[in-house]
Each structure stands twice: as structure tokens, then as C-alpha cells.
PDB file of N, CA and C in Angstrom:
ATOM      1  N   MET A   1      10.578 -17.881   3.011  1.00  0.00           N
ATOM      2  CA  MET A   1       9.634 -16.822   2.669  1.00  0.00           C
ATOM      3  C   MET A   1       8.638 -16.653   3.800  1.00  0.00           C
ATOM      4  N   ILE A   2       8.303 -15.436   4.081  1.00  0.00           N
ATOM      5  CA  ILE A   2       7.366 -15.148   5.168  1.00  0.00           C
ATOM      6  C   ILE A   2       5.925 -15.291   4.674  1.00  0.00           C
ATOM      7  N   GLY A   3       5.082 -15.823   5.543  1.00  0.00           N
ATOM      8  CA  GLY A   3       3.665 -15.970   5.244  1.00  0.00           C
ATOM      9  C   GLY A   3       2.830 -15.420   6.384  1.00  0.00           C
ATOM     10  N   PHE A   4       1.541 -15.254   6.125  1.00  0.00           N
ATOM     11  CA  PHE A   4       0.629 -14.674   7.106  1.00  0.00           C
ATOM     12  C   PHE A   4      -0.601 -15.568   7.278  1.00  0.00           C
ATOM     13  N   PRO A   5      -0.407 -16.776   7.822  1.00  0.00           N
ATOM     14  CA  PRO A   5      -1.552 -17.684   7.967  1.00  0.00           C
ATOM     15  C   PRO A   5      -2.531 -17.251   9.049  1.00  0.00           C
ATOM     16  N   ASN A   6      -2.082 -16.467   9.998  1.00  0.00           N
ATOM     17  CA  ASN A   6      -2.922 -16.015  11.105  1.00  0.00           C
ATOM     18  C   ASN A   6      -3.431 -14.612  10.767  1.00  0.00           C
ATOM     19  N   GLN A   7      -4.738 -14.459  10.615  1.00  0.00           N
ATOM     20  CA  GLN A   7      -5.318 -13.168  10.233  1.00  0.00           C
ATOM     21  C   GLN A   7      -5.573 -12.237  11.413  1.00  0.00           C
ATOM     22  N   MET A   8      -5.110 -12.636  12.599  1.00  0.00           N
ATOM     23  CA  MET A   8      -5.302 -11.792  13.790  1.00  0.00           C
ATOM     24  C   MET A   8      -4.529 -10.488  13.636  1.00  0.00           C
ATOM     25  N   ARG A   9      -5.135  -9.423  14.111  1.00  0.00           N
ATOM     26  CA  ARG A   9      -4.481  -8.117  14.178  1.00  0.00           C
ATOM     27  C   ARG A   9      -5.126  -7.361  15.314  1.00  0.00           C
ATOM     28  N   SER A  10      -4.414  -6.397  15.848  1.00  0.00           N
ATOM     29  CA  SER A  10      -4.971  -5.595  16.931  1.00  0.00           C
ATOM     30  C   SER A  10      -4.540  -4.148  16.742  1.00  0.00           C
ATOM     31  N   PHE A  11      -5.335  -3.249  17.306  1.00  0.00           N
ATOM     32  CA  PHE A  11      -5.034  -1.826  17.239  1.00  0.00           C
ATOM     33  C   PHE A  11      -4.877  -1.311  18.656  1.00  0.00           C
ATOM     34  N   ASP A  12      -3.749  -0.673  18.930  1.00  0.00           N
ATOM     35  CA  ASP A  12      -3.493  -0.044  20.227  1.00  0.00           C
ATOM     36  C   ASP A  12      -3.735   1.450  20.047  1.00  0.00           C
ATOM     37  N   GLU A  13      -4.885   1.895  20.490  1.00  0.00           N
ATOM     38  CA  GLU A  13      -5.265   3.294  20.286  1.00  0.00           C
ATOM     39  C   GLU A  13      -4.311   4.259  20.977  1.00  0.00           C
ATOM     40  N   ASP A  14      -3.873   3.932  22.181  1.00  0.00           N
ATOM     41  CA  ASP A  14      -2.962   4.819  22.912  1.00  0.00           C
ATOM     42  C   ASP A  14      -1.631   4.985  22.180  1.00  0.00           C
ATOM     43  N   ALA A  15      -1.103   3.903  21.646  1.00  0.00           N
ATOM     44  CA  ALA A  15       0.175   3.960  20.933  1.00  0.00           C
ATOM     45  C   ALA A  15       0.002   4.373  19.475  1.00  0.00           C
ATOM     46  N   GLY A  16      -1.209   4.231  18.948  1.00  0.00           N
ATOM     47  CA  GLY A  16      -1.447   4.556  17.541  1.00  0.00           C
ATOM     48  C   GLY A  16      -0.779   3.561  16.613  1.00  0.00           C
ATOM     49  N   THR A  17      -0.831   2.281  16.987  1.00  0.00           N
ATOM     50  CA  THR A  17      -0.175   1.247  16.178  1.00  0.00           C
ATOM     51  C   THR A  17      -1.052   0.005  16.055  1.00  0.00           C
ATOM     52  N   PHE A  18      -0.794  -0.726  14.992  1.00  0.00           N
ATOM     53  CA  PHE A  18      -1.406  -2.032  14.762  1.00  0.00           C
ATOM     54  C   PHE A  18      -0.335  -3.078  14.983  1.00  0.00           C
ATOM     55  N   ARG A  19      -0.748  -4.233  15.448  1.00  0.00           N
ATOM     56  CA  ARG A  19       0.171  -5.360  15.621  1.00  0.00           C
ATOM     57  C   ARG A  19      -0.401  -6.562  14.888  1.00  0.00           C
ATOM     58  N   PHE A  20       0.483  -7.248  14.171  1.00  0.00           N
ATOM     59  CA  PHE A  20       0.111  -8.481  13.498  1.00  0.00           C
ATOM     60  C   PHE A  20       1.370  -9.321  13.350  1.00  0.00           C
ATOM     61  N   SER A  21       1.185 -10.587  13.013  1.00  0.00           N
ATOM     62  CA  SER A  21       2.325 -11.502  12.947  1.00  0.00           C
ATOM     63  C   SER A  21       2.385 -12.212  11.614  1.00  0.00           C
ATOM     64  N   GLY A  22       3.596 -12.589  11.263  1.00  0.00           N
ATOM     65  CA  GLY A  22       3.850 -13.437  10.113  1.00  0.00           C
ATOM     66  C   GLY A  22       4.773 -14.552  10.562  1.00  0.00           C
ATOM     67  N   TYR A  23       4.997 -15.509   9.691  1.00  0.00           N
ATOM     68  CA  TYR A  23       5.854 -16.647  10.041  1.00  0.00           C
ATOM     69  C   TYR A  23       6.822 -16.933   8.914  1.00  0.00           C
ATOM     70  N   ASP A  24       8.080 -17.063   9.289  1.00  0.00           N
ATOM     71  CA  ASP A  24       9.142 -17.496   8.385  1.00  0.00           C
ATOM     72  C   ASP A  24       9.489 -18.907   8.835  1.00  0.00           C
ATOM     73  N   GLY A  25       8.862 -19.879   8.199  1.00  0.00           N
ATOM     74  CA  GLY A  25       8.977 -21.245   8.692  1.00  0.00           C
ATOM     75  C   GLY A  25       8.244 -21.329  10.022  1.00  0.00           C
ATOM     76  N   VAL A  26       8.962 -21.736  11.060  1.00  0.00           N
ATOM     77  CA  VAL A  26       8.341 -21.822  12.390  1.00  0.00           C
ATOM     78  C   VAL A  26       8.619 -20.576  13.229  1.00  0.00           C
ATOM     79  N   MET A  27       9.439 -19.663  12.713  1.00  0.00           N
ATOM     80  CA  MET A  27       9.788 -18.460  13.464  1.00  0.00           C
ATOM     81  C   MET A  27       8.710 -17.381  13.293  1.00  0.00           C
ATOM     82  N   GLU A  28       8.182 -16.913  14.423  1.00  0.00           N
ATOM     83  CA  GLU A  28       7.200 -15.828  14.383  1.00  0.00           C
ATOM     84  C   GLU A  28       7.918 -14.499  14.210  1.00  0.00           C
ATOM     85  N   VAL A  29       7.384 -13.681  13.321  1.00  0.00           N
ATOM     86  CA  VAL A  29       7.896 -12.327  13.096  1.00  0.00           C
ATOM     87  C   VAL A  29       6.754 -11.379  13.437  1.00  0.00           C
ATOM     88  N   ARG A  30       7.007 -10.482  14.381  1.00  0.00           N
ATOM     89  CA  ARG A  30       5.991  -9.519  14.796  1.00  0.00           C
ATOM     90  C   ARG A  30       6.155  -8.223  14.008  1.00  0.00           C
ATOM     91  N   PHE A  31       5.038  -7.658  13.610  1.00  0.00           N
ATOM     92  CA  PHE A  31       5.028  -6.415  12.852  1.00  0.00           C
ATOM     93  C   PHE A  31       4.225  -5.373  13.602  1.00  0.00           C
ATOM     94  N   VAL A  32       4.700  -4.135  13.535  1.00  0.00           N
ATOM     95  CA  VAL A  32       4.000  -2.990  14.108  1.00  0.00           C
ATOM     96  C   VAL A  32       3.823  -1.981  12.978  1.00  0.00           C
ATOM     97  N   LEU A  33       2.593  -1.585  12.729  1.00  0.00           N
ATOM     98  CA  LEU A  33       2.267  -0.617  11.683  1.00  0.00           C
ATOM     99  C   LEU A  33       1.781   0.661  12.344  1.00  0.00           C
ATOM    100  N   GLU A  34       2.375   1.779  11.973  1.00  0.00           N
ATOM    101  CA  GLU A  34       1.954   3.076  12.511  1.00  0.00           C
ATOM    102  C   GLU A  34       0.616   3.482  11.903  1.00  0.00           C
ATOM    103  N   ALA A  35      -0.307   3.950  12.729  1.00  0.00           N
ATOM    104  CA  ALA A  35      -1.636   4.361  12.255  1.00  0.00           C
ATOM    105  C   ALA A  35      -1.570   5.439  11.168  1.00  0.00           C
ATOM    106  N   PRO A  36      -0.674   6.438  11.251  1.00  0.00           N
ATOM    107  CA  PRO A  36      -0.628   7.431  10.177  1.00  0.00           C
ATOM    108  C   PRO A  36      -0.334   6.826   8.803  1.00  0.00           C
ATOM    109  N   ALA A  37       0.405   5.738   8.760  1.00  0.00           N
ATOM    110  CA  ALA A  37       0.663   5.076   7.484  1.00  0.00           C
ATOM    111  C   ALA A  37      -0.638   4.517   6.916  1.00  0.00           C
ATOM    112  N   LEU A  38      -1.424   3.867   7.753  1.00  0.00           N
ATOM    113  CA  LEU A  38      -2.711   3.328   7.295  1.00  0.00           C
ATOM    114  C   LEU A  38      -3.647   4.460   6.885  1.00  0.00           C
ATOM    115  N   GLU A  39      -3.634   5.542   7.631  1.00  0.00           N
ATOM    116  CA  GLU A  39      -4.481   6.685   7.291  1.00  0.00           C
ATOM    117  C   GLU A  39      -4.159   7.187   5.892  1.00  0.00           C
ATOM    118  N   GLN A  40      -2.885   7.231   5.554  1.00  0.00           N
ATOM    119  CA  GLN A  40      -2.487   7.720   4.236  1.00  0.00           C
ATOM    120  C   GLN A  40      -2.826   6.738   3.128  1.00  0.00           C
ATOM    121  N   ILE A  41      -2.553   5.452   3.335  1.00  0.00           N
ATOM    122  CA  ILE A  41      -2.802   4.513   2.231  1.00  0.00           C
ATOM    123  C   ILE A  41      -4.292   4.225   2.047  1.00  0.00           C
ATOM    124  N   ASP A  42      -5.097   4.400   3.094  1.00  0.00           N
ATOM    125  CA  ASP A  42      -6.533   4.139   2.974  1.00  0.00           C
ATOM    126  C   ASP A  42      -7.351   5.417   2.807  1.00  0.00           C
ATOM    127  N   GLY A  43      -6.741   6.575   3.024  1.00  0.00           N
ATOM    128  CA  GLY A  43      -7.453   7.837   2.871  1.00  0.00           C
ATOM    129  C   GLY A  43      -8.463   8.103   3.978  1.00  0.00           C
ATOM    130  N   ILE A  44      -8.177   7.597   5.171  1.00  0.00           N
ATOM    131  CA  ILE A  44      -9.074   7.834   6.303  1.00  0.00           C
ATOM    132  C   ILE A  44      -8.486   8.910   7.200  1.00  0.00           C
ATOM    133  N   ALA A  45      -9.341   9.537   7.980  1.00  0.00           N
ATOM    134  CA  ALA A  45      -8.894  10.551   8.930  1.00  0.00           C
ATOM    135  C   ALA A  45      -9.043  10.000  10.339  1.00  0.00           C
ATOM    136  N   ARG A  46      -8.123  10.359  11.185  1.00  0.00           N
ATOM    137  CA  ARG A  46      -8.177   9.898  12.570  1.00  0.00           C
ATOM    138  C   ARG A  46      -9.322  10.602  13.295  1.00  0.00           C
ATOM    139  N   SER A  47     -10.190   9.801  13.864  1.00  0.00           N
ATOM    140  CA  SER A  47     -11.289  10.335  14.667  1.00  0.00           C
ATOM    141  C   SER A  47     -11.740   9.234  15.617  1.00  0.00           C
ATOM    142  N   PRO A  48     -12.498   9.576  16.637  1.00  0.00           N
ATOM    143  CA  PRO A  48     -12.972   8.537  17.559  1.00  0.00           C
ATOM    144  C   PRO A  48     -13.836   7.481  16.869  1.00  0.00           C
ATOM    145  N   ASP A  49     -14.463   7.851  15.746  1.00  0.00           N
ATOM    146  CA  ASP A  49     -15.344   6.919  15.039  1.00  0.00           C
ATOM    147  C   ASP A  49     -14.638   6.116  13.948  1.00  0.00           C
ATOM    148  N   THR A  50     -13.373   6.388  13.700  1.00  0.00           N
ATOM    149  CA  THR A  50     -12.661   5.688  12.648  1.00  0.00           C
ATOM    150  C   THR A  50     -12.552   4.208  12.978  1.00  0.00           C
ATOM    151  N   ASP A  51     -12.949   3.382  12.031  1.00  0.00           N
ATOM    152  CA  ASP A  51     -12.850   1.929  12.207  1.00  0.00           C
ATOM    153  C   ASP A  51     -11.521   1.471  11.606  1.00  0.00           C
ATOM    154  N   TYR A  52     -10.483   1.547  12.419  1.00  0.00           N
ATOM    155  CA  TYR A  52      -9.143   1.221  11.942  1.00  0.00           C
ATOM    156  C   TYR A  52      -8.998  -0.240  11.540  1.00  0.00           C
ATOM    157  N   LEU A  53      -9.636  -1.135  12.262  1.00  0.00           N
ATOM    158  CA  LEU A  53      -9.480  -2.554  11.922  1.00  0.00           C
ATOM    159  C   LEU A  53     -10.119  -2.862  10.570  1.00  0.00           C
ATOM    160  N   ALA A  54     -11.221  -2.221  10.248  1.00  0.00           N
ATOM    161  CA  ALA A  54     -11.835  -2.401   8.928  1.00  0.00           C
ATOM    162  C   ALA A  54     -10.911  -1.846   7.843  1.00  0.00           C
ATOM    163  N   ALA A  55     -10.281  -0.706   8.111  1.00  0.00           N
ATOM    164  CA  ALA A  55      -9.340  -0.129   7.153  1.00  0.00           C
ATOM    165  C   ALA A  55      -8.134  -1.055   6.971  1.00  0.00           C
ATOM    166  N   PHE A  56      -7.654  -1.620   8.070  1.00  0.00           N
ATOM    167  CA  PHE A  56      -6.541  -2.571   7.988  1.00  0.00           C
ATOM    168  C   PHE A  56      -6.937  -3.750   7.101  1.00  0.00           C
ATOM    169  N   ASP A  57      -8.132  -4.275   7.316  1.00  0.00           N
ATOM    170  CA  ASP A  57      -8.588  -5.421   6.528  1.00  0.00           C
ATOM    171  C   ASP A  57      -8.729  -5.072   5.050  1.00  0.00           C
ATOM    172  N   ARG A  58      -9.186  -3.858   4.736  1.00  0.00           N
ATOM    173  CA  ARG A  58      -9.300  -3.426   3.334  1.00  0.00           C
ATOM    174  C   ARG A  58      -7.932  -3.381   2.665  1.00  0.00           C
ATOM    175  N   ARG A  59      -6.925  -3.002   3.425  1.00  0.00           N
ATOM    176  CA  ARG A  59      -5.578  -2.812   2.874  1.00  0.00           C
ATOM    177  C   ARG A  59      -4.616  -3.944   3.230  1.00  0.00           C
ATOM    178  N   ARG A  60      -5.148  -5.058   3.711  1.00  0.00           N
ATOM    179  CA  ARG A  60      -4.308  -6.165   4.175  1.00  0.00           C
ATOM    180  C   ARG A  60      -3.283  -6.594   3.123  1.00  0.00           C
ATOM    181  N   GLY A  61      -3.684  -6.708   1.872  1.00  0.00           N
ATOM    182  CA  GLY A  61      -2.754  -7.110   0.818  1.00  0.00           C
ATOM    183  C   GLY A  61      -1.570  -6.159   0.706  1.00  0.00           C
ATOM    184  N   GLN A  62      -1.849  -4.866   0.696  1.00  0.00           N
ATOM    185  CA  GLN A  62      -0.791  -3.853   0.637  1.00  0.00           C
ATOM    186  C   GLN A  62       0.099  -3.917   1.872  1.00  0.00           C
ATOM    187  N   ILE A  63      -0.521  -4.075   3.024  1.00  0.00           N
ATOM    188  CA  ILE A  63       0.228  -4.110   4.284  1.00  0.00           C
ATOM    189  C   ILE A  63       1.142  -5.327   4.323  1.00  0.00           C
ATOM    190  N   GLU A  64       0.618  -6.481   3.922  1.00  0.00           N
ATOM    191  CA  GLU A  64       1.445  -7.690   3.927  1.00  0.00           C
ATOM    192  C   GLU A  64       2.579  -7.587   2.914  1.00  0.00           C
ATOM    193  N   SER A  65       2.323  -6.993   1.757  1.00  0.00           N
ATOM    194  CA  SER A  65       3.391  -6.789   0.765  1.00  0.00           C
ATOM    195  C   SER A  65       4.484  -5.886   1.325  1.00  0.00           C
ATOM    196  N   ALA A  66       4.096  -4.804   1.995  1.00  0.00           N
ATOM    197  CA  ALA A  66       5.078  -3.905   2.612  1.00  0.00           C
ATOM    198  C   ALA A  66       5.838  -4.637   3.709  1.00  0.00           C
ATOM    199  N   ALA A  67       5.140  -5.470   4.473  1.00  0.00           N
ATOM    200  CA  ALA A  67       5.787  -6.238   5.538  1.00  0.00           C
ATOM    201  C   ALA A  67       6.820  -7.208   4.964  1.00  0.00           C
ATOM    202  N   ILE A  68       6.484  -7.858   3.873  1.00  0.00           N
ATOM    203  CA  ILE A  68       7.421  -8.787   3.226  1.00  0.00           C
ATOM    204  C   ILE A  68       8.668  -8.042   2.754  1.00  0.00           C
ATOM    205  N   ARG A  69       8.471  -6.897   2.100  1.00  0.00           N
ATOM    206  CA  ARG A  69       9.627  -6.112   1.629  1.00  0.00           C
ATOM    207  C   ARG A  69      10.510  -5.679   2.795  1.00  0.00           C
ATOM    208  N   ALA A  70       9.885  -5.204   3.871  1.00  0.00           N
ATOM    209  CA  ALA A  70      10.643  -4.745   5.042  1.00  0.00           C
ATOM    210  C   ALA A  70      11.391  -5.910   5.684  1.00  0.00           C
ATOM    211  N   TYR A  71      10.765  -7.062   5.738  1.00  0.00           N
ATOM    212  CA  TYR A  71      11.404  -8.234   6.342  1.00  0.00           C
ATOM    213  C   TYR A  71      12.585  -8.702   5.494  1.00  0.00           C
ATOM    214  N   LYS A  72      12.454  -8.640   4.187  1.00  0.00           N
ATOM    215  CA  LYS A  72      13.568  -9.035   3.304  1.00  0.00           C
ATOM    216  C   LYS A  72      14.786  -8.140   3.510  1.00  0.00           C
ATOM    217  N   LYS A  73      14.560  -6.860   3.814  1.00  0.00           N
ATOM    218  CA  LYS A  73      15.654  -5.914   4.051  1.00  0.00           C
ATOM    219  C   LYS A  73      16.316  -6.133   5.405  1.00  0.00           C
ATOM    220  N   ASN A  74      15.517  -6.536   6.393  1.00  0.00           N
ATOM    221  CA  ASN A  74      16.009  -6.584   7.759  1.00  0.00           C
ATOM    222  C   ASN A  74      15.354  -7.762   8.478  1.00  0.00           C
ATOM    223  N   ARG A  75      15.952  -8.901   8.414  1.00  0.00           N
ATOM    224  CA  ARG A  75      15.368 -10.136   8.954  1.00  0.00           C
ATOM    225  C   ARG A  75      15.476 -10.189  10.480  1.00  0.00           C
ATOM    226  N   LYS A  76      14.640  -9.410  11.119  1.00  0.00           N
ATOM    227  CA  LYS A  76      14.561  -9.416  12.579  1.00  0.00           C
ATOM    228  C   LYS A  76      13.205  -9.968  12.996  1.00  0.00           C
ATOM    229  N   ASN A  77      13.048 -10.238  14.292  1.00  0.00           N
ATOM    230  CA  ASN A  77      11.770 -10.789  14.734  1.00  0.00           C
ATOM    231  C   ASN A  77      10.749  -9.706  15.084  1.00  0.00           C
ATOM    232  N   LEU A  78      11.138  -8.429  14.973  1.00  0.00           N
ATOM    233  CA  LEU A  78      10.214  -7.311  15.141  1.00  0.00           C
ATOM    234  C   LEU A  78      10.496  -6.296  14.041  1.00  0.00           C
ATOM    235  N   ILE A  79       9.490  -6.030  13.247  1.00  0.00           N
ATOM    236  CA  ILE A  79       9.616  -5.089  12.127  1.00  0.00           C
ATOM    237  C   ILE A  79       8.610  -3.965  12.340  1.00  0.00           C
ATOM    238  N   TRP A  80       9.092  -2.737  12.305  1.00  0.00           N
ATOM    239  CA  TRP A  80       8.262  -1.545  12.473  1.00  0.00           C
ATOM    240  C   TRP A  80       7.986  -0.974  11.091  1.00  0.00           C
ATOM    241  N   LEU A  81       6.708  -0.778  10.733  1.00  0.00           N
ATOM    242  CA  LEU A  81       6.329  -0.258   9.428  1.00  0.00           C
ATOM    243  C   LEU A  81       5.786   1.161   9.533  1.00  0.00           C
ATOM    244  N   SER A  82       6.300   2.034   8.666  1.00  0.00           N
ATOM    245  CA  SER A  82       5.821   3.422   8.596  1.00  0.00           C
ATOM    246  C   SER A  82       5.409   3.690   7.147  1.00  0.00           C
ATOM    247  N   ILE A  83       4.982   4.905   6.858  1.00  0.00           N
ATOM    248  CA  ILE A  83       4.574   5.256   5.496  1.00  0.00           C
ATOM    249  C   ILE A  83       5.719   5.065   4.520  1.00  0.00           C
ATOM    250  N   ALA A  84       6.939   5.199   4.948  1.00  0.00           N
ATOM    251  CA  ALA A  84       8.102   5.027   4.069  1.00  0.00           C
ATOM    252  C   ALA A  84       8.180   3.605   3.510  1.00  0.00           C
ATOM    253  N   ASP A  85       7.561   2.641   4.156  1.00  0.00           N
ATOM    254  CA  ASP A  85       7.587   1.260   3.689  1.00  0.00           C
ATOM    255  C   ASP A  85       6.562   0.976   2.596  1.00  0.00           C
ATOM    256  N   PHE A  86       5.722   1.959   2.297  1.00  0.00           N
ATOM    257  CA  PHE A  86       4.711   1.774   1.271  1.00  0.00           C
ATOM    258  C   PHE A  86       5.094   2.519   0.009  1.00  0.00           C
TER     259      PHE A  86
END
């Protein structure tokens, strides 16, 4: 089962994506979340003042649940998450 002991996350503004990691045992699984997905699930609008990391933290439970479901479907070391995963 995948877990998320490391709460680190980052936002790449140029790419419009978030990056975070989970672990399946000792294997690291990297996740990429598209910003439009977060905008939809959190109800935020993209703007220079948008605090995406705060929005990510508010929705961390939902994001991790979506990440777990996506990982169960496709056990790769890089999982890309879009709105379809929510």
C-alpha cells in the first residue's frame, strides 16, 4: 500500500503542475498534479496572487486519495493526475 510520510510538495508555475511523492514500501512513487485539477476541486481561479500550495494543503486528503486510486490502476514510478482522477 502506498503512503505519504513526506509532506513536501512543490509547484512549478511555468509547467502548471504540482509535484509530490509517496512510497510503496521503499520504492518512491512520484506524482504530478495538473493545476487545473486543483483549481476545480478547490474552487480557486488562476491568478498571480493564487496561493496554490495553500490550496494543495487544504485538499491534501482528496489529492492523496486520488493518487492512491491512480497508483492502484497503474503501478508505475511516475503517476500524472488530472481532473479525471477526482
